[in-house]
Amino acid sequence: MKKILYFEPSDAKKFDLERFAQSLNTYAKIPVDEIKEVLKQFDGFENLHVSRLVEVGTALIEKNSSAEAAKKYFEDHNQYFGSKFERLRRITGYLVGTLERWNDGKKAEEKARVKHSVNSAIDDDERAAHLEKQALAHNVAYANSIID
């Protein structure tokens, strides 16, 4: 892997293993050899999106330290996962962003629905599949499994 992409292809920077290892070691002691082993899965790619490094780092920290340390690392680096999006809901055929113009019956129907979490950037399989497809189209590493 030669370059790390941030927000735009023009933002690409050369990957620095030493800097990445130092960043991870702020949260947990991780041997450089272990980092290199995990990064081998990206060797076939010319570029790697920075969000992938954050996911790799989160997994390595959790494996070598604790879930709390991994969560702290992820929270400190999650700005690379793109901008926030407006949530759209489909309720009985209507696509809406907010419920402010709905009558009481529709609001009650929405409140009674089973809610599914969309909070985790790491565990969102549909988002990961979309990003992987997009990344592969541009020869950017975005693999499904980080650490076995």
Protein backbone atom coordinates (compact mmCIF):
# COMPACT_ATOMS: atom_id res chain seq x y z
CA MET A 1 0.00 0.00 0.00
CA LYS A 2 1.46 3.29 -1.02
CA LYS A 3 -1.01 6.05 -0.19
CA ILE A 4 -3.71 6.80 2.33
CA LEU A 5 -6.80 8.59 1.03
CA TYR A 6 -8.58 10.97 3.36
CA PHE A 7 -11.57 12.84 1.93
CA GLU A 8 -10.58 13.33 -1.72
CA PRO A 9 -8.02 11.60 -3.96
CA SER A 10 -6.06 14.86 -3.97
CA ASP A 11 -5.66 14.50 -0.16
CA ALA A 12 -3.70 11.24 -0.50
CA LYS A 13 -0.59 10.96 1.65
CA LYS A 14 2.17 8.36 1.76
CA PHE A 15 1.48 5.72 4.43
CA ASP A 16 3.85 5.92 7.40
CA LEU A 17 3.89 2.68 9.42
CA GLU A 18 5.90 4.23 12.25
CA ARG A 19 3.41 7.08 12.67
CA PHE A 20 0.47 4.63 12.58
CA ALA A 21 2.15 2.43 15.22
CA GLN A 22 2.80 5.45 17.45
CA SER A 23 -0.84 6.47 17.16
CA LEU A 24 -2.01 2.99 18.19
CA ASN A 25 0.49 2.74 21.04
CA THR A 26 -1.04 5.83 22.61
CA TYR A 27 -4.04 3.59 23.39
CA ALA A 28 -2.41 0.13 23.77
CA LYS A 29 0.95 -1.61 23.34
CA ILE A 30 0.80 -3.30 19.94
CA PRO A 31 3.88 -4.95 18.41
CA VAL A 32 4.86 -3.54 15.02
CA ASP A 33 5.07 -7.09 13.64
CA GLU A 34 1.40 -7.63 14.51
CA ILE A 35 0.44 -4.38 12.76
CA LYS A 36 2.42 -5.41 9.67
CA GLU A 37 0.74 -8.82 9.65
CA VAL A 38 -2.75 -7.29 9.69
CA LEU A 39 -1.85 -4.76 6.99
CA LYS A 40 -0.70 -7.55 4.63
CA GLN A 41 -4.31 -8.01 3.55
CA PHE A 42 -4.05 -4.62 1.80
CA ASP A 43 -0.78 -5.30 -0.07
CA GLY A 44 -2.53 -5.71 -3.42
CA PHE A 45 -4.00 -2.22 -3.33
CA GLU A 46 -2.35 0.98 -4.42
CA ASN A 47 -4.42 3.08 -2.00
CA LEU A 48 -6.11 2.62 1.36
CA HIS A 49 -8.89 4.80 2.75
CA VAL A 50 -8.03 6.22 6.18
CA SER A 51 -11.30 4.88 7.63
CA ARG A 52 -9.93 1.39 7.02
CA LEU A 53 -6.86 2.20 9.10
CA VAL A 54 -9.13 3.45 11.88
CA GLU A 55 -11.05 0.15 11.78
CA VAL A 56 -7.80 -1.85 11.78
CA GLY A 57 -6.50 0.23 14.69
CA THR A 58 -9.73 -0.19 16.63
CA ALA A 59 -9.62 -3.97 16.20
CA LEU A 60 -5.94 -4.20 17.17
CA ILE A 61 -6.44 -2.09 20.28
CA GLU A 62 -9.45 -4.12 21.36
CA LYS A 63 -7.50 -7.36 20.82
CA ASN A 64 -4.42 -6.16 22.73
CA SER A 65 -6.03 -4.01 25.41
CA SER A 66 -9.70 -3.38 26.09
CA ALA A 67 -12.98 -2.45 24.45
CA GLU A 68 -12.87 0.89 26.29
CA ALA A 69 -9.47 1.79 24.80
CA ALA A 70 -10.68 0.74 21.35
CA LYS A 71 -13.82 2.85 21.72
CA LYS A 72 -11.73 5.87 22.76
CA TYR A 73 -9.44 5.42 19.73
CA PHE A 74 -12.43 5.12 17.40
CA GLU A 75 -14.12 8.20 18.88
CA ASP A 76 -10.90 10.19 18.50
CA HIS A 77 -10.57 9.21 14.82
CA ASN A 78 -14.14 8.74 13.52
CA GLN A 79 -14.13 12.04 11.59
CA TYR A 80 -12.77 10.05 8.64
CA PHE A 81 -16.02 8.14 8.16
CA GLY A 82 -17.69 10.91 6.19
CA SER A 83 -20.28 13.50 6.96
CA LYS A 84 -23.44 12.94 8.94
CA PHE A 85 -26.54 12.07 7.00
CA GLU A 86 -30.19 12.87 7.48
CA ARG A 87 -32.15 9.82 8.50
CA LEU A 88 -35.01 8.91 6.18
CA ARG A 89 -37.92 6.81 7.45
CA ARG A 90 -40.39 4.85 5.38
CA ILE A 91 -43.65 4.48 7.22
CA THR A 92 -46.69 3.13 5.37
CA GLY A 93 -45.42 4.41 2.05
CA TYR A 94 -44.11 7.82 3.10
CA LEU A 95 -40.45 8.84 2.97
CA VAL A 96 -39.75 11.56 5.48
CA GLY A 97 -36.79 13.24 7.13
CA THR A 98 -38.62 14.68 10.15
CA LEU A 99 -42.00 14.00 11.72
CA GLU A 100 -42.88 17.58 12.62
CA ARG A 101 -45.68 17.91 10.02
CA TRP A 102 -47.33 14.57 10.88
CA ASN A 103 -50.68 14.24 12.63
CA ASP A 104 -50.98 12.49 16.01
CA GLY A 105 -52.01 9.15 14.45
CA LYS A 106 -48.92 8.94 12.22
CA LYS A 107 -46.66 10.02 15.10
CA ALA A 108 -48.14 7.27 17.30
CA GLU A 109 -47.61 4.71 14.51
CA GLU A 110 -43.95 5.74 14.18
CA LYS A 111 -43.44 5.59 17.96
CA ALA A 112 -44.86 2.04 18.11
CA ARG A 113 -42.49 0.70 15.44
CA VAL A 114 -39.50 -1.48 16.33
CA LYS A 115 -36.35 0.61 16.04
CA HIS A 116 -33.10 -0.84 14.70
CA SER A 117 -29.75 0.66 15.63
CA VAL A 118 -27.74 2.51 12.99
CA ASN A 119 -25.20 4.00 15.39
CA SER A 120 -22.13 1.81 14.81
CA ALA A 121 -19.94 2.72 11.86
CA ILE A 122 -17.95 -0.47 12.38
CA ASP A 123 -20.84 -2.97 12.41
CA ASP A 124 -22.98 -1.56 9.64
CA ASP A 125 -22.72 -4.38 7.05
CA GLU A 126 -24.76 -2.63 4.37
CA ARG A 127 -22.62 0.51 4.60
CA ALA A 128 -19.43 -1.55 4.57
CA ALA A 129 -20.54 -3.44 1.45
CA HIS A 130 -21.33 -0.17 -0.34
CA LEU A 131 -17.98 1.36 0.64
CA GLU A 132 -16.13 -1.77 -0.42
CA LYS A 133 -17.80 -1.73 -3.85
CA GLN A 134 -17.01 1.96 -4.26
CA ALA A 135 -13.42 1.52 -3.10
CA LEU A 136 -12.70 -1.46 -5.36
CA ALA A 137 -13.88 0.57 -8.34
CA HIS A 138 -11.08 3.04 -7.56
CA ASN A 139 -8.41 0.49 -6.51
CA VAL A 140 -8.65 1.52 -2.86
CA ALA A 141 -8.33 -1.19 -0.20
CA TYR A 142 -11.49 -1.77 1.76
CA ALA A 143 -11.63 -5.38 2.92
CA ASN A 144 -14.44 -6.99 4.92
CA SER A 145 -12.41 -8.83 7.54
CA ILE A 146 -9.80 -6.96 9.51
CA ILE A 147 -8.51 -9.48 12.03
CA ASP A 148 -9.44 -13.12 12.33
